[in-house]
Amino acid sequence: MEHLLIITNCPDEAVANSIALAVVEAGLAACVNILPRVQSVYRWQGAIESGAEIPLLIKSTAARYAALEAAIRQHHPYELPEIIALPITHGLPAYLNWLSTETIQAP
């Protein structure tokens, strides 16, 4: 089973908590880490922007990715949210088994 680490940034704690709870409750993610506020600098529509955001680290599987992406987009207020999936190539086997078990079927 292919395991993924999905990263997204949220505008505030309320959105971060809403997305984290929604994807874990739906069985789309085994775990979501809500990180402390960071400052992001980016180009948007030709202008340099800067703003505070709350990063999420979401642990899931490739099999659940499409539904997870749809759930993030549904709960996310950004017109174009950052949603990046990175493969988890190695990890503690017991943890990866738990990740698989928690996301293999919807609750």
PDB file of N, CA and C in Angstrom:
ATOM      1  N   MET A   1       0.850  -1.177   0.000  1.00  0.00           N
ATOM      2  CA  MET A   1       0.000   0.000   0.000  1.00  0.00           C
ATOM      3  C   MET A   1       0.893   1.236   0.000  1.00  0.00           C
ATOM      4  N   GLU A   2       0.554   2.209  -0.843  1.00  0.00           N
ATOM      5  CA  GLU A   2       1.337   3.448  -0.902  1.00  0.00           C
ATOM      6  C   GLU A   2       0.807   4.439   0.134  1.00  0.00           C
ATOM      7  N   HIS A   3       1.700   4.881   1.002  1.00  0.00           N
ATOM      8  CA  HIS A   3       1.364   5.855   2.044  1.00  0.00           C
ATOM      9  C   HIS A   3       1.782   7.235   1.588  1.00  0.00           C
ATOM     10  N   LEU A   4       0.993   8.246   2.001  1.00  0.00           N
ATOM     11  CA  LEU A   4       1.261   9.621   1.579  1.00  0.00           C
ATOM     12  C   LEU A   4       1.266  10.573   2.766  1.00  0.00           C
ATOM     13  N   LEU A   5       2.071  11.617   2.638  1.00  0.00           N
ATOM     14  CA  LEU A   5       2.026  12.772   3.528  1.00  0.00           C
ATOM     15  C   LEU A   5       1.493  13.922   2.684  1.00  0.00           C
ATOM     16  N   ILE A   6       0.321  14.424   3.045  1.00  0.00           N
ATOM     17  CA  ILE A   6      -0.316  15.502   2.292  1.00  0.00           C
ATOM     18  C   ILE A   6      -0.171  16.781   3.099  1.00  0.00           C
ATOM     19  N   ILE A   7       0.233  17.847   2.418  1.00  0.00           N
ATOM     20  CA  ILE A   7       0.452  19.144   3.061  1.00  0.00           C
ATOM     21  C   ILE A   7      -0.543  20.145   2.502  1.00  0.00           C
ATOM     22  N   THR A   8      -1.163  20.900   3.389  1.00  0.00           N
ATOM     23  CA  THR A   8      -1.979  22.038   2.993  1.00  0.00           C
ATOM     24  C   THR A   8      -1.811  23.128   4.040  1.00  0.00           C
ATOM     25  N   ASN A   9      -2.088  24.364   3.654  1.00  0.00           N
ATOM     26  CA  ASN A   9      -2.028  25.495   4.581  1.00  0.00           C
ATOM     27  C   ASN A   9      -3.404  26.129   4.675  1.00  0.00           C
ATOM     28  N   CYS A  10      -3.773  26.527   5.882  1.00  0.00           N
ATOM     29  CA  CYS A  10      -5.090  27.099   6.147  1.00  0.00           C
ATOM     30  C   CYS A  10      -4.943  28.536   6.630  1.00  0.00           C
ATOM     31  N   PRO A  11      -5.978  29.362   6.419  1.00  0.00           N
ATOM     32  CA  PRO A  11      -5.873  30.764   6.814  1.00  0.00           C
ATOM     33  C   PRO A  11      -5.942  30.995   8.324  1.00  0.00           C
ATOM     34  N   ASP A  12      -6.524  30.051   9.062  1.00  0.00           N
ATOM     35  CA  ASP A  12      -6.650  30.233  10.506  1.00  0.00           C
ATOM     36  C   ASP A  12      -6.889  28.892  11.193  1.00  0.00           C
ATOM     37  N   GLU A  13      -6.904  28.921  12.519  1.00  0.00           N
ATOM     38  CA  GLU A  13      -7.068  27.711  13.314  1.00  0.00           C
ATOM     39  C   GLU A  13      -8.437  27.059  13.117  1.00  0.00           C
ATOM     40  N   ALA A  14      -9.477  27.860  12.930  1.00  0.00           N
ATOM     41  CA  ALA A  14     -10.817  27.302  12.764  1.00  0.00           C
ATOM     42  C   ALA A  14     -10.891  26.438  11.506  1.00  0.00           C
ATOM     43  N   VAL A  15     -10.358  26.931  10.406  1.00  0.00           N
ATOM     44  CA  VAL A  15     -10.358  26.156   9.162  1.00  0.00           C
ATOM     45  C   VAL A  15      -9.479  24.922   9.316  1.00  0.00           C
ATOM     46  N   ALA A  16      -8.307  25.083   9.927  1.00  0.00           N
ATOM     47  CA  ALA A  16      -7.403  23.955  10.135  1.00  0.00           C
ATOM     48  C   ALA A  16      -8.078  22.852  10.944  1.00  0.00           C
ATOM     49  N   ASN A  17      -8.731  23.214  12.034  1.00  0.00           N
ATOM     50  CA  ASN A  17      -9.425  22.237  12.863  1.00  0.00           C
ATOM     51  C   ASN A  17     -10.579  21.596  12.117  1.00  0.00           C
ATOM     52  N   SER A  18     -11.309  22.370  11.335  1.00  0.00           N
ATOM     53  CA  SER A  18     -12.443  21.853  10.573  1.00  0.00           C
ATOM     54  C   SER A  18     -11.991  20.807   9.562  1.00  0.00           C
ATOM     55  N   ILE A  19     -10.927  21.099   8.817  1.00  0.00           N
ATOM     56  CA  ILE A  19     -10.421  20.150   7.824  1.00  0.00           C
ATOM     57  C   ILE A  19      -9.876  18.902   8.515  1.00  0.00           C
ATOM     58  N   ALA A  20      -9.078  19.094   9.565  1.00  0.00           N
ATOM     59  CA  ALA A  20      -8.491  17.954  10.274  1.00  0.00           C
ATOM     60  C   ALA A  20      -9.572  17.013  10.790  1.00  0.00           C
ATOM     61  N   LEU A  21     -10.565  17.553  11.444  1.00  0.00           N
ATOM     62  CA  LEU A  21     -11.641  16.731  11.993  1.00  0.00           C
ATOM     63  C   LEU A  21     -12.431  16.038  10.887  1.00  0.00           C
ATOM     64  N   ALA A  22     -12.736  16.752   9.820  1.00  0.00           N
ATOM     65  CA  ALA A  22     -13.531  16.172   8.724  1.00  0.00           C
ATOM     66  C   ALA A  22     -12.834  14.988   8.072  1.00  0.00           C
ATOM     67  N   VAL A  23     -11.531  15.115   7.796  1.00  0.00           N
ATOM     68  CA  VAL A  23     -10.852  14.035   7.079  1.00  0.00           C
ATOM     69  C   VAL A  23     -10.574  12.828   7.970  1.00  0.00           C
ATOM     70  N   VAL A  24     -10.332  13.053   9.260  1.00  0.00           N
ATOM     71  CA  VAL A  24     -10.128  11.925  10.167  1.00  0.00           C
ATOM     72  C   VAL A  24     -11.461  11.224  10.438  1.00  0.00           C
ATOM     73  N   GLU A  25     -12.516  11.983  10.681  1.00  0.00           N
ATOM     74  CA  GLU A  25     -13.835  11.377  10.918  1.00  0.00           C
ATOM     75  C   GLU A  25     -14.305  10.552   9.724  1.00  0.00           C
ATOM     76  N   ALA A  26     -13.985  10.995   8.503  1.00  0.00           N
ATOM     77  CA  ALA A  26     -14.415  10.288   7.294  1.00  0.00           C
ATOM     78  C   ALA A  26     -13.512   9.112   6.944  1.00  0.00           C
ATOM     79  N   GLY A  27     -12.459   8.890   7.707  1.00  0.00           N
ATOM     80  CA  GLY A  27     -11.544   7.796   7.419  1.00  0.00           C
ATOM     81  C   GLY A  27     -10.637   8.067   6.229  1.00  0.00           C
ATOM     82  N   LEU A  28     -10.510   9.335   5.852  1.00  0.00           N
ATOM     83  CA  LEU A  28      -9.655   9.707   4.724  1.00  0.00           C
ATOM     84  C   LEU A  28      -8.213   9.924   5.156  1.00  0.00           C
ATOM     85  N   ALA A  29      -8.011  10.121   6.436  1.00  0.00           N
ATOM     86  CA  ALA A  29      -6.679  10.301   7.005  1.00  0.00           C
ATOM     87  C   ALA A  29      -6.638   9.602   8.349  1.00  0.00           C
ATOM     88  N   ALA A  30      -5.470   9.049   8.672  1.00  0.00           N
ATOM     89  CA  ALA A  30      -5.297   8.409   9.971  1.00  0.00           C
ATOM     90  C   ALA A  30      -4.961   9.440  11.039  1.00  0.00           C
ATOM     91  N   CYS A  31      -4.273  10.501  10.621  1.00  0.00           N
ATOM     92  CA  CYS A  31      -3.782  11.499  11.570  1.00  0.00           C
ATOM     93  C   CYS A  31      -3.544  12.812  10.833  1.00  0.00           C
ATOM     94  N   VAL A  32      -3.798  13.911  11.512  1.00  0.00           N
ATOM     95  CA  VAL A  32      -3.480  15.236  10.983  1.00  0.00           C
ATOM     96  C   VAL A  32      -2.750  16.015  12.068  1.00  0.00           C
ATOM     97  N   ASN A  33      -1.569  16.504  11.738  1.00  0.00           N
ATOM     98  CA  ASN A  33      -0.845  17.395  12.640  1.00  0.00           C
ATOM     99  C   ASN A  33      -1.164  18.824  12.254  1.00  0.00           C
ATOM    100  N   ILE A  34      -1.611  19.610  13.229  1.00  0.00           N
ATOM    101  CA  ILE A  34      -1.871  21.033  13.027  1.00  0.00           C
ATOM    102  C   ILE A  34      -0.671  21.770  13.607  1.00  0.00           C
ATOM    103  N   LEU A  35       0.101  22.385  12.725  1.00  0.00           N
ATOM    104  CA  LEU A  35       1.336  23.029  13.142  1.00  0.00           C
ATOM    105  C   LEU A  35       1.081  24.473  13.576  1.00  0.00           C
ATOM    106  N   PRO A  36       2.061  25.061  14.268  1.00  0.00           N
ATOM    107  CA  PRO A  36       1.929  26.465  14.644  1.00  0.00           C
ATOM    108  C   PRO A  36       1.903  27.371  13.412  1.00  0.00           C
ATOM    109  N   ARG A  37       1.385  28.550  13.622  1.00  0.00           N
ATOM    110  CA  ARG A  37       1.270  29.559  12.564  1.00  0.00           C
ATOM    111  C   ARG A  37       2.642  29.828  11.934  1.00  0.00           C
ATOM    112  N   VAL A  38       2.633  29.927  10.594  1.00  0.00           N
ATOM    113  CA  VAL A  38       3.838  30.285   9.826  1.00  0.00           C
ATOM    114  C   VAL A  38       3.509  31.490   8.954  1.00  0.00           C
ATOM    115  N   GLN A  39       4.541  32.146   8.503  1.00  0.00           N
ATOM    116  CA  GLN A  39       4.374  33.265   7.570  1.00  0.00           C
ATOM    117  C   GLN A  39       4.700  32.763   6.171  1.00  0.00           C
ATOM    118  N   SER A  40       3.785  32.933   5.230  1.00  0.00           N
ATOM    119  CA  SER A  40       3.993  32.510   3.847  1.00  0.00           C
ATOM    120  C   SER A  40       4.165  33.735   2.960  1.00  0.00           C
ATOM    121  N   VAL A  41       5.109  33.650   2.044  1.00  0.00           N
ATOM    122  CA  VAL A  41       5.339  34.680   1.044  1.00  0.00           C
ATOM    123  C   VAL A  41       5.187  33.995  -0.304  1.00  0.00           C
ATOM    124  N   TYR A  42       4.345  34.539  -1.172  1.00  0.00           N
ATOM    125  CA  TYR A  42       4.040  33.871  -2.435  1.00  0.00           C
ATOM    126  C   TYR A  42       3.588  34.889  -3.473  1.00  0.00           C
ATOM    127  N   ARG A  43       3.618  34.465  -4.719  1.00  0.00           N
ATOM    128  CA  ARG A  43       3.118  35.298  -5.804  1.00  0.00           C
ATOM    129  C   ARG A  43       1.699  34.826  -6.123  1.00  0.00           C
ATOM    130  N   TRP A  44       0.756  35.756  -6.163  1.00  0.00           N
ATOM    131  CA  TRP A  44      -0.633  35.431  -6.491  1.00  0.00           C
ATOM    132  C   TRP A  44      -1.172  36.492  -7.438  1.00  0.00           C
ATOM    133  N   GLN A  45      -1.586  36.054  -8.595  1.00  0.00           N
ATOM    134  CA  GLN A  45      -2.144  36.925  -9.622  1.00  0.00           C
ATOM    135  C   GLN A  45      -1.235  38.116  -9.912  1.00  0.00           C
ATOM    136  N   GLY A  46       0.072  37.820 -10.017  1.00  0.00           N
ATOM    137  CA  GLY A  46       1.049  38.831 -10.401  1.00  0.00           C
ATOM    138  C   GLY A  46       1.582  39.701  -9.287  1.00  0.00           C
ATOM    139  N   ALA A  47       1.096  39.539  -8.074  1.00  0.00           N
ATOM    140  CA  ALA A  47       1.539  40.371  -6.951  1.00  0.00           C
ATOM    141  C   ALA A  47       2.186  39.495  -5.883  1.00  0.00           C
ATOM    142  N   ILE A  48       3.174  40.042  -5.208  1.00  0.00           N
ATOM    143  CA  ILE A  48       3.793  39.352  -4.079  1.00  0.00           C
ATOM    144  C   ILE A  48       2.896  39.568  -2.860  1.00  0.00           C
ATOM    145  N   GLU A  49       2.510  38.467  -2.249  1.00  0.00           N
ATOM    146  CA  GLU A  49       1.640  38.482  -1.069  1.00  0.00           C
ATOM    147  C   GLU A  49       2.390  37.898   0.120  1.00  0.00           C
ATOM    148  N   SER A  50       1.917  38.211   1.307  1.00  0.00           N
ATOM    149  CA  SER A  50       2.455  37.651   2.534  1.00  0.00           C
ATOM    150  C   SER A  50       1.304  37.509   3.519  1.00  0.00           C
ATOM    151  N   GLY A  51       1.260  36.359   4.180  1.00  0.00           N
ATOM    152  CA  GLY A  51       0.189  36.162   5.148  1.00  0.00           C
ATOM    153  C   GLY A  51       0.496  35.012   6.090  1.00  0.00           C
ATOM    154  N   ALA A  52      -0.133  35.049   7.240  1.00  0.00           N
ATOM    155  CA  ALA A  52       0.011  33.978   8.226  1.00  0.00           C
ATOM    156  C   ALA A  52      -0.890  32.817   7.836  1.00  0.00           C
ATOM    157  N   GLU A  53      -0.385  31.604   8.013  1.00  0.00           N
ATOM    158  CA  GLU A  53      -1.160  30.406   7.699  1.00  0.00           C
ATOM    159  C   GLU A  53      -0.872  29.323   8.732  1.00  0.00           C
ATOM    160  N   ILE A  54      -1.772  28.355   8.794  1.00  0.00           N
ATOM    161  CA  ILE A  54      -1.639  27.199   9.680  1.00  0.00           C
ATOM    162  C   ILE A  54      -1.398  25.973   8.799  1.00  0.00           C
ATOM    163  N   PRO A  55      -0.206  25.358   8.868  1.00  0.00           N
ATOM    164  CA  PRO A  55       0.063  24.163   8.057  1.00  0.00           C
ATOM    165  C   PRO A  55      -0.575  22.910   8.662  1.00  0.00           C
ATOM    166  N   LEU A  56      -1.025  22.034   7.778  1.00  0.00           N
ATOM    167  CA  LEU A  56      -1.508  20.717   8.169  1.00  0.00           C
ATOM    168  C   LEU A  56      -0.617  19.667   7.532  1.00  0.00           C
ATOM    169  N   LEU A  57      -0.245  18.657   8.309  1.00  0.00           N
ATOM    170  CA  LEU A  57       0.443  17.475   7.808  1.00  0.00           C
ATOM    171  C   LEU A  57      -0.536  16.311   7.947  1.00  0.00           C
ATOM    172  N   ILE A  58      -0.981  15.798   6.823  1.00  0.00           N
ATOM    173  CA  ILE A  58      -2.046  14.793   6.796  1.00  0.00           C
ATOM    174  C   ILE A  58      -1.455  13.456   6.361  1.00  0.00           C
ATOM    175  N   LYS A  59      -1.672  12.401   7.153  1.00  0.00           N
ATOM    176  CA  LYS A  59      -1.171  11.079   6.807  1.00  0.00           C
ATOM    177  C   LYS A  59      -2.314  10.230   6.267  1.00  0.00           C
ATOM    178  N   SER A  60      -2.104   9.717   5.028  1.00  0.00           N
ATOM    179  CA  SER A  60      -3.150   8.941   4.361  1.00  0.00           C
ATOM    180  C   SER A  60      -2.506   7.953   3.399  1.00  0.00           C
ATOM    181  N   THR A  61      -3.309   7.464   2.465  1.00  0.00           N
ATOM    182  CA  THR A  61      -2.826   6.516   1.463  1.00  0.00           C
ATOM    183  C   THR A  61      -3.214   6.995   0.073  1.00  0.00           C
ATOM    184  N   ALA A  62      -2.517   6.461  -0.916  1.00  0.00           N
ATOM    185  CA  ALA A  62      -2.821   6.814  -2.301  1.00  0.00           C
ATOM    186  C   ALA A  62      -4.251   6.413  -2.665  1.00  0.00           C
ATOM    187  N   ALA A  63      -4.724   5.322  -2.098  1.00  0.00           N
ATOM    188  CA  ALA A  63      -6.085   4.863  -2.391  1.00  0.00           C
ATOM    189  C   ALA A  63      -7.145   5.854  -1.916  1.00  0.00           C
ATOM    190  N   ARG A  64      -6.849   6.623  -0.887  1.00  0.00           N
ATOM    191  CA  ARG A  64      -7.813   7.570  -0.325  1.00  0.00           C
ATOM    192  C   ARG A  64      -7.574   9.004  -0.801  1.00  0.00           C
ATOM    193  N   TYR A  65      -6.515   9.208  -1.626  1.00  0.00           N
ATOM    194  CA  TYR A  65      -6.115  10.566  -1.983  1.00  0.00           C
ATOM    195  C   TYR A  65      -7.212  11.356  -2.694  1.00  0.00           C
ATOM    196  N   ALA A  66      -7.852  10.799  -3.695  1.00  0.00           N
ATOM    197  CA  ALA A  66      -8.853  11.567  -4.466  1.00  0.00           C
ATOM    198  C   ALA A  66      -9.972  12.075  -3.560  1.00  0.00           C
ATOM    199  N   ALA A  67     -10.476  11.215  -2.692  1.00  0.00           N
ATOM    200  CA  ALA A  67     -11.543  11.630  -1.771  1.00  0.00           C
ATOM    201  C   ALA A  67     -11.023  12.637  -0.747  1.00  0.00           C
ATOM    202  N   LEU A  68      -9.785  12.449  -0.303  1.00  0.00           N
ATOM    203  CA  LEU A  68      -9.176  13.390   0.639  1.00  0.00           C
ATOM    204  C   LEU A  68      -9.020  14.761   0.002  1.00  0.00           C
ATOM    205  N   GLU A  69      -8.517  14.805  -1.219  1.00  0.00           N
ATOM    206  CA  GLU A  69      -8.377  16.084  -1.923  1.00  0.00           C
ATOM    207  C   GLU A  69      -9.726  16.777  -2.069  1.00  0.00           C
ATOM    208  N   ALA A  70     -10.754  16.026  -2.423  1.00  0.00           N
ATOM    209  CA  ALA A  70     -12.094  16.603  -2.564  1.00  0.00           C
ATOM    210  C   ALA A  70     -12.594  17.164  -1.233  1.00  0.00           C
ATOM    211  N   ALA A  71     -12.325  16.460  -0.142  1.00  0.00           N
ATOM    212  CA  ALA A  71     -12.757  16.936   1.181  1.00  0.00           C
ATOM    213  C   ALA A  71     -12.023  18.215   1.574  1.00  0.00           C
ATOM    214  N   ILE A  72     -10.724  18.274   1.296  1.00  0.00           N
ATOM    215  CA  ILE A  72      -9.970  19.495   1.602  1.00  0.00           C
ATOM    216  C   ILE A  72     -10.550  20.660   0.808  1.00  0.00           C
ATOM    217  N   ARG A  73     -10.760  20.451  -0.486  1.00  0.00           N
ATOM    218  CA  ARG A  73     -11.303  21.522  -1.337  1.00  0.00           C
ATOM    219  C   ARG A  73     -12.690  21.962  -0.853  1.00  0.00           C
ATOM    220  N   GLN A  74     -13.491  21.013  -0.398  1.00  0.00           N
ATOM    221  CA  GLN A  74     -14.847  21.333   0.087  1.00  0.00           C
ATOM    222  C   GLN A  74     -14.806  22.233   1.325  1.00  0.00           C
ATOM    223  N   HIS A  75     -13.848  22.002   2.209  1.00  0.00           N
ATOM    224  CA  HIS A  75     -13.780  22.738   3.475  1.00  0.00           C
ATOM    225  C   HIS A  75     -12.838  23.945   3.430  1.00  0.00           C
ATOM    226  N   HIS A  76     -12.111  24.101   2.337  1.00  0.00           N
ATOM    227  CA  HIS A  76     -11.071  25.128   2.272  1.00  0.00           C
ATOM    228  C   HIS A  76     -11.604  26.406   1.631  1.00  0.00           C
ATOM    229  N   PRO A  77     -11.347  27.569   2.230  1.00  0.00           N
ATOM    230  CA  PRO A  77     -11.867  28.820   1.675  1.00  0.00           C
ATOM    231  C   PRO A  77     -11.034  29.399   0.527  1.00  0.00           C
ATOM    232  N   TYR A  78      -9.805  28.919   0.336  1.00  0.00           N
ATOM    233  CA  TYR A  78      -8.971  29.480  -0.722  1.00  0.00           C
ATOM    234  C   TYR A  78      -9.488  29.087  -2.100  1.00  0.00           C
ATOM    235  N   GLU A  79      -9.368  30.004  -3.035  1.00  0.00           N
ATOM    236  CA  GLU A  79      -9.707  29.719  -4.433  1.00  0.00           C
ATOM    237  C   GLU A  79      -8.815  28.602  -4.980  1.00  0.00           C
ATOM    238  N   LEU A  80      -7.551  28.632  -4.604  1.00  0.00           N
ATOM    239  CA  LEU A  80      -6.580  27.629  -5.055  1.00  0.00           C
ATOM    240  C   LEU A  80      -5.751  27.171  -3.855  1.00  0.00           C
ATOM    241  N   PRO A  81      -6.269  26.207  -3.086  1.00  0.00           N
ATOM    242  CA  PRO A  81      -5.517  25.765  -1.911  1.00  0.00           C
ATOM    243  C   PRO A  81      -4.288  24.949  -2.306  1.00  0.00           C
ATOM    244  N   GLU A  82      -3.244  25.098  -1.538  1.00  0.00           N
ATOM    245  CA  GLU A  82      -2.072  24.227  -1.696  1.00  0.00           C
ATOM    246  C   GLU A  82      -2.456  22.842  -1.196  1.00  0.00           C
ATOM    247  N   ILE A  83      -2.342  21.853  -2.062  1.00  0.00           N
ATOM    248  CA  ILE A  83      -2.531  20.456  -1.676  1.00  0.00           C
ATOM    249  C   ILE A  83      -1.409  19.696  -2.362  1.00  0.00           C
ATOM    250  N   ILE A  84      -0.446  19.252  -1.571  1.00  0.00           N
ATOM    251  CA  ILE A  84       0.727  18.552  -2.093  1.00  0.00           C
ATOM    252  C   ILE A  84       0.814  17.197  -1.411  1.00  0.00           C
ATOM    253  N   ALA A  85       0.985  16.140  -2.202  1.00  0.00           N
ATOM    254  CA  ALA A  85       1.121  14.795  -1.653  1.00  0.00           C
ATOM    255  C   ALA A  85       2.538  14.285  -1.901  1.00  0.00           C
ATOM    256  N   LEU A  86       3.178  13.859  -0.838  1.00  0.00           N
ATOM    257  CA  LEU A  86       4.529  13.305  -0.910  1.00  0.00           C
ATOM    258  C   LEU A  86       4.478  11.825  -0.532  1.00  0.00           C
ATOM    259  N   PRO A  87       5.171  10.981  -1.271  1.00  0.00           N
ATOM    260  CA  PRO A  87       5.181   9.562  -0.903  1.00  0.00           C
ATOM    261  C   PRO A  87       5.981   9.336   0.369  1.00  0.00           C
ATOM    262  N   ILE A  88       5.494   8.444   1.199  1.00  0.00           N
ATOM    263  CA  ILE A  88       6.231   8.001   2.380  1.00  0.00           C
ATOM    264  C   ILE A  88       6.922   6.711   1.964  1.00  0.00           C
ATOM    265  N   THR A  89       8.218   6.783   1.759  1.00  0.00           N
ATOM    266  CA  THR A  89       8.939   5.625   1.242  1.00  0.00           C
ATOM    267  C   THR A  89       9.415   4.677   2.336  1.00  0.00           C
ATOM    268  N   HIS A  90       9.580   5.183   3.546  1.00  0.00           N
ATOM    269  CA  HIS A  90      10.024   4.366   4.671  1.00  0.00           C
ATOM    270  C   HIS A  90       9.339   4.854   5.934  1.00  0.00           C
ATOM    271  N   GLY A  91       9.178   3.950   6.878  1.00  0.00           N
ATOM    272  CA  GLY A  91       8.596   4.325   8.155  1.00  0.00           C
ATOM    273  C   GLY A  91       8.523   3.121   9.069  1.00  0.00           C
ATOM    274  N   LEU A  92       8.249   3.370  10.323  1.00  0.00           N
ATOM    275  CA  LEU A  92       8.087   2.294  11.291  1.00  0.00           C
ATOM    276  C   LEU A  92       6.965   1.387  10.800  1.00  0.00           C
ATOM    277  N   PRO A  93       7.226   0.112  10.554  1.00  0.00           N
ATOM    278  CA  PRO A  93       6.200  -0.769   9.986  1.00  0.00           C
ATOM    279  C   PRO A  93       4.892  -0.784  10.776  1.00  0.00           C
ATOM    280  N   ALA A  94       4.971  -0.800  12.083  1.00  0.00           N
ATOM    281  CA  ALA A  94       3.746  -0.824  12.882  1.00  0.00           C
ATOM    282  C   ALA A  94       2.930   0.450  12.672  1.00  0.00           C
ATOM    283  N   TYR A  95       3.616   1.600  12.556  1.00  0.00           N
ATOM    284  CA  TYR A  95       2.910   2.866  12.309  1.00  0.00           C
ATOM    285  C   TYR A  95       2.254   2.851  10.937  1.00  0.00           C
ATOM    286  N   LEU A  96       2.979   2.403   9.916  1.00  0.00           N
ATOM    287  CA  LEU A  96       2.418   2.366   8.568  1.00  0.00           C
ATOM    288  C   LEU A  96       1.254   1.380   8.484  1.00  0.00           C
ATOM    289  N   ASN A  97       1.322   0.268   9.217  1.00  0.00           N
ATOM    290  CA  ASN A  97       0.189  -0.665   9.265  1.00  0.00           C
ATOM    291  C   ASN A  97      -1.024   0.004   9.902  1.00  0.00           C
ATOM    292  N   TRP A  98      -0.804   0.757  10.975  1.00  0.00           N
ATOM    293  CA  TRP A  98      -1.895   1.484  11.620  1.00  0.00           C
ATOM    294  C   TRP A  98      -2.503   2.504  10.655  1.00  0.00           C
ATOM    295  N   LEU A  99      -1.637   3.245   9.947  1.00  0.00           N
ATOM    296  CA  LEU A  99      -2.101   4.230   8.966  1.00  0.00           C
ATOM    297  C   LEU A  99      -2.999   3.556   7.932  1.00  0.00           C
ATOM    298  N   SER A 100      -2.566   2.417   7.433  1.00  0.00           N
ATOM    299  CA  SER A 100      -3.355   1.665   6.437  1.00  0.00           C
ATOM    300  C   SER A 100      -4.697   1.225   7.018  1.00  0.00           C
ATOM    301  N   THR A 101      -4.666   0.686   8.219  1.00  0.00           N
ATOM    302  CA  THR A 101      -5.893   0.189   8.847  1.00  0.00           C
ATOM    303  C   THR A 101      -6.902   1.306   9.070  1.00  0.00           C
ATOM    304  N   GLU A 102      -6.436   2.484   9.469  1.00  0.00           N
ATOM    305  CA  GLU A 102      -7.332   3.600   9.757  1.00  0.00           C
ATOM    306  C   GLU A 102      -7.940   4.224   8.513  1.00  0.00           C
ATOM    307  N   THR A 103      -7.344   3.992   7.354  1.00  0.00           N
ATOM    308  CA  THR A 103      -7.831   4.625   6.132  1.00  0.00           C
ATOM    309  C   THR A 103      -8.356   3.628   5.102  1.00  0.00           C
ATOM    310  N   ILE A 104      -8.345   2.350   5.414  1.00  0.00           N
ATOM    311  CA  ILE A 104      -8.718   1.349   4.427  1.00  0.00           C
ATOM    312  C   ILE A 104     -10.215   1.354   4.118  1.00  0.00           C
ATOM    313  N   GLN A 105     -11.009   1.761   5.069  1.00  0.00           N
ATOM    314  CA  GLN A 105     -12.447   1.819   4.841  1.00  0.00           C
ATOM    315  C   GLN A 105     -13.050   2.971   5.625  1.00  0.00           C
ATOM    316  N   ALA A 106     -14.061   3.531   5.065  1.00  0.00           N
ATOM    317  CA  ALA A 106     -14.742   4.647   5.734  1.00  0.00           C
ATOM    318  C   ALA A 106     -15.436   4.130   6.983  1.00  0.00           C
ATOM    319  N   PRO A 107     -15.447   4.923   8.058  1.00  0.00           N
ATOM    320  CA  PRO A 107     -16.099   4.500   9.302  1.00  0.00           C
ATOM    321  C   PRO A 107     -17.611   4.370   9.151  1.00  0.00           C
TER     322      PRO A 107
END
